[in-house]
Amino acid sequence: MPKKPINRLKVVLVEQGKTSKWLAQTLNKNETTVSRWCTNEVQPSLDTLLQIAALLEVDIKELLNSSK
């Protein structure tokens, strides 16, 4: 059974015309780490998701796929 993507980070970045490189630099994180978040290989912590939501000026719920 394929894993369902948990976050929508890549989609939201594209919608806003921003890149994962921009996000990595802004958060002072490694580009590889952010890339892995965008591909749903690993997930950012809730604190980091809150930071990302603030940077992108979106509700944190917009960064997550529904569990239903």
N, C-alpha and C. Protein backbone atom coordinates (compact mmCIF):
# COMPACT_ATOMS: atom_id res chain seq x y z
N MET A 1 0.85 -1.18 0.00
CA MET A 1 0.00 0.00 0.00
C MET A 1 0.90 1.25 0.00
N PRO A 2 0.76 2.11 -0.99
CA PRO A 2 1.59 3.31 -1.04
C PRO A 2 1.25 4.26 0.11
N LYS A 3 2.28 4.95 0.59
CA LYS A 3 2.07 5.90 1.67
C LYS A 3 1.36 7.14 1.13
N LYS A 4 0.38 7.61 1.87
CA LYS A 4 -0.35 8.82 1.50
C LYS A 4 0.48 10.03 1.94
N PRO A 5 0.65 10.99 1.05
CA PRO A 5 1.39 12.20 1.44
C PRO A 5 0.71 12.89 2.62
N ILE A 6 1.50 13.29 3.60
CA ILE A 6 0.96 13.93 4.79
C ILE A 6 0.87 15.44 4.63
N ASN A 7 1.94 16.01 4.04
CA ASN A 7 1.91 17.46 3.92
C ASN A 7 1.73 17.92 2.48
N ARG A 8 1.32 19.19 2.34
CA ARG A 8 1.09 19.81 1.03
C ARG A 8 2.10 20.92 0.79
N LEU A 9 3.23 20.84 1.45
CA LEU A 9 4.21 21.91 1.41
C LEU A 9 4.62 22.27 -0.01
N LYS A 10 4.93 21.28 -0.82
CA LYS A 10 5.36 21.54 -2.20
C LYS A 10 4.27 22.28 -2.98
N VAL A 11 3.03 21.86 -2.82
CA VAL A 11 1.90 22.48 -3.52
C VAL A 11 1.75 23.94 -3.12
N VAL A 12 1.82 24.21 -1.82
CA VAL A 12 1.64 25.57 -1.33
C VAL A 12 2.79 26.46 -1.80
N LEU A 13 4.00 25.94 -1.81
CA LEU A 13 5.14 26.72 -2.31
C LEU A 13 4.93 27.09 -3.78
N VAL A 14 4.49 26.12 -4.59
CA VAL A 14 4.25 26.37 -6.01
C VAL A 14 3.14 27.41 -6.17
N GLU A 15 2.06 27.27 -5.42
CA GLU A 15 0.95 28.22 -5.51
C GLU A 15 1.41 29.65 -5.22
N GLN A 16 2.40 29.78 -4.34
CA GLN A 16 2.88 31.11 -3.96
C GLN A 16 4.10 31.55 -4.77
N GLY A 17 4.55 30.71 -5.70
CA GLY A 17 5.69 31.07 -6.52
C GLY A 17 7.00 31.07 -5.76
N LYS A 18 7.08 30.26 -4.73
CA LYS A 18 8.29 30.17 -3.92
C LYS A 18 8.94 28.80 -4.12
N THR A 19 10.22 28.71 -3.80
CA THR A 19 10.94 27.46 -3.99
C THR A 19 11.34 26.85 -2.65
N SER A 20 11.69 25.57 -2.70
CA SER A 20 12.18 24.92 -1.49
C SER A 20 13.52 25.53 -1.08
N LYS A 21 14.30 25.99 -2.06
CA LYS A 21 15.57 26.66 -1.75
C LYS A 21 15.33 27.93 -0.95
N TRP A 22 14.33 28.72 -1.36
CA TRP A 22 13.97 29.93 -0.62
C TRP A 22 13.58 29.57 0.81
N LEU A 23 12.76 28.53 0.97
CA LEU A 23 12.30 28.13 2.29
C LEU A 23 13.47 27.69 3.15
N ALA A 24 14.38 26.91 2.58
CA ALA A 24 15.55 26.44 3.33
C ALA A 24 16.38 27.62 3.81
N GLN A 25 16.62 28.58 2.94
CA GLN A 25 17.42 29.74 3.32
C GLN A 25 16.71 30.58 4.39
N THR A 26 15.42 30.75 4.23
CA THR A 26 14.64 31.56 5.18
C THR A 26 14.61 30.91 6.57
N LEU A 27 14.49 29.59 6.60
CA LEU A 27 14.43 28.87 7.88
C LEU A 27 15.81 28.49 8.41
N ASN A 28 16.85 28.78 7.61
CA ASN A 28 18.21 28.39 7.96
C ASN A 28 18.32 26.87 8.15
N LYS A 29 17.73 26.17 7.19
CA LYS A 29 17.75 24.70 7.17
C LYS A 29 18.50 24.23 5.93
N ASN A 30 18.93 23.00 5.96
CA ASN A 30 19.60 22.40 4.81
C ASN A 30 18.59 22.20 3.68
N GLU A 31 19.01 22.48 2.45
CA GLU A 31 18.11 22.32 1.29
C GLU A 31 17.63 20.88 1.14
N THR A 32 18.48 19.93 1.47
CA THR A 32 18.10 18.52 1.38
C THR A 32 16.97 18.20 2.35
N THR A 33 17.04 18.77 3.53
CA THR A 33 15.99 18.54 4.54
C THR A 33 14.65 19.06 4.02
N VAL A 34 14.65 20.27 3.49
CA VAL A 34 13.41 20.86 2.98
C VAL A 34 12.90 20.05 1.78
N SER A 35 13.81 19.61 0.94
CA SER A 35 13.41 18.78 -0.20
C SER A 35 12.72 17.50 0.27
N ARG A 36 13.24 16.90 1.32
CA ARG A 36 12.64 15.67 1.85
C ARG A 36 11.26 15.95 2.45
N TRP A 37 11.07 17.14 3.01
CA TRP A 37 9.74 17.53 3.50
C TRP A 37 8.78 17.64 2.31
N CYS A 38 9.26 18.28 1.23
CA CYS A 38 8.41 18.51 0.06
C CYS A 38 8.01 17.22 -0.65
N THR A 39 8.85 16.20 -0.56
CA THR A 39 8.53 14.92 -1.18
C THR A 39 7.88 13.94 -0.20
N ASN A 40 7.62 14.40 1.00
CA ASN A 40 6.98 13.60 2.05
C ASN A 40 7.81 12.40 2.49
N GLU A 41 9.12 12.45 2.29
CA GLU A 41 9.98 11.38 2.81
C GLU A 41 10.04 11.46 4.33
N VAL A 42 10.13 12.68 4.84
CA VAL A 42 10.10 12.94 6.28
C VAL A 42 9.19 14.14 6.50
N GLN A 43 8.80 14.35 7.74
CA GLN A 43 7.89 15.44 8.06
C GLN A 43 8.57 16.44 8.99
N PRO A 44 8.31 17.73 8.76
CA PRO A 44 8.83 18.73 9.69
C PRO A 44 8.10 18.64 11.02
N SER A 45 8.74 19.13 12.06
CA SER A 45 8.10 19.15 13.38
C SER A 45 6.93 20.12 13.35
N LEU A 46 6.06 20.03 14.34
CA LEU A 46 4.92 20.94 14.41
C LEU A 46 5.39 22.38 14.58
N ASP A 47 6.45 22.58 15.37
CA ASP A 47 7.00 23.93 15.53
C ASP A 47 7.46 24.49 14.19
N THR A 48 8.12 23.65 13.40
CA THR A 48 8.59 24.08 12.09
C THR A 48 7.42 24.35 11.16
N LEU A 49 6.40 23.50 11.20
CA LEU A 49 5.21 23.74 10.38
C LEU A 49 4.56 25.08 10.73
N LEU A 50 4.54 25.42 12.01
CA LEU A 50 3.99 26.72 12.43
C LEU A 50 4.82 27.86 11.86
N GLN A 51 6.14 27.71 11.87
CA GLN A 51 7.02 28.72 11.29
C GLN A 51 6.75 28.87 9.79
N ILE A 52 6.63 27.74 9.11
CA ILE A 52 6.39 27.75 7.67
C ILE A 52 5.05 28.42 7.37
N ALA A 53 4.03 28.07 8.13
CA ALA A 53 2.70 28.68 7.93
C ALA A 53 2.77 30.19 8.11
N ALA A 54 3.51 30.65 9.10
CA ALA A 54 3.66 32.09 9.33
C ALA A 54 4.39 32.75 8.16
N LEU A 55 5.47 32.12 7.70
CA LEU A 55 6.23 32.67 6.57
C LEU A 55 5.38 32.77 5.31
N LEU A 56 4.57 31.75 5.07
CA LEU A 56 3.76 31.71 3.86
C LEU A 56 2.40 32.40 4.04
N GLU A 57 2.15 32.86 5.26
CA GLU A 57 0.90 33.54 5.61
C GLU A 57 -0.32 32.69 5.26
N VAL A 58 -0.27 31.43 5.70
CA VAL A 58 -1.39 30.51 5.52
C VAL A 58 -1.72 29.86 6.86
N ASP A 59 -2.91 29.33 6.96
CA ASP A 59 -3.28 28.55 8.13
C ASP A 59 -2.51 27.23 8.07
N ILE A 60 -2.05 26.76 9.20
CA ILE A 60 -1.27 25.53 9.23
C ILE A 60 -2.04 24.37 8.59
N LYS A 61 -3.37 24.41 8.65
CA LYS A 61 -4.18 23.34 8.05
C LYS A 61 -3.97 23.26 6.54
N GLU A 62 -3.61 24.38 5.91
CA GLU A 62 -3.37 24.37 4.46
C GLU A 62 -2.11 23.60 4.10
N LEU A 63 -1.25 23.37 5.08
CA LEU A 63 0.00 22.64 4.82
C LEU A 63 -0.16 21.14 5.00
N LEU A 64 -1.33 20.72 5.46
CA LEU A 64 -1.55 19.30 5.74
C LEU A 64 -2.68 18.74 4.89
N ASN A 65 -2.51 17.49 4.47
CA ASN A 65 -3.58 16.77 3.80
C ASN A 65 -4.56 16.26 4.84
N SER A 66 -5.82 16.23 4.49
CA SER A 66 -6.84 15.72 5.39
C SER A 66 -6.61 14.23 5.65
N SER A 67 -6.91 13.81 6.86
CA SER A 67 -6.76 12.40 7.19
C SER A 67 -8.00 11.59 6.82
N LYS A 68 -9.03 12.28 6.31
CA LYS A 68 -10.27 11.59 5.94
C LYS A 68 -10.25 11.21 4.49
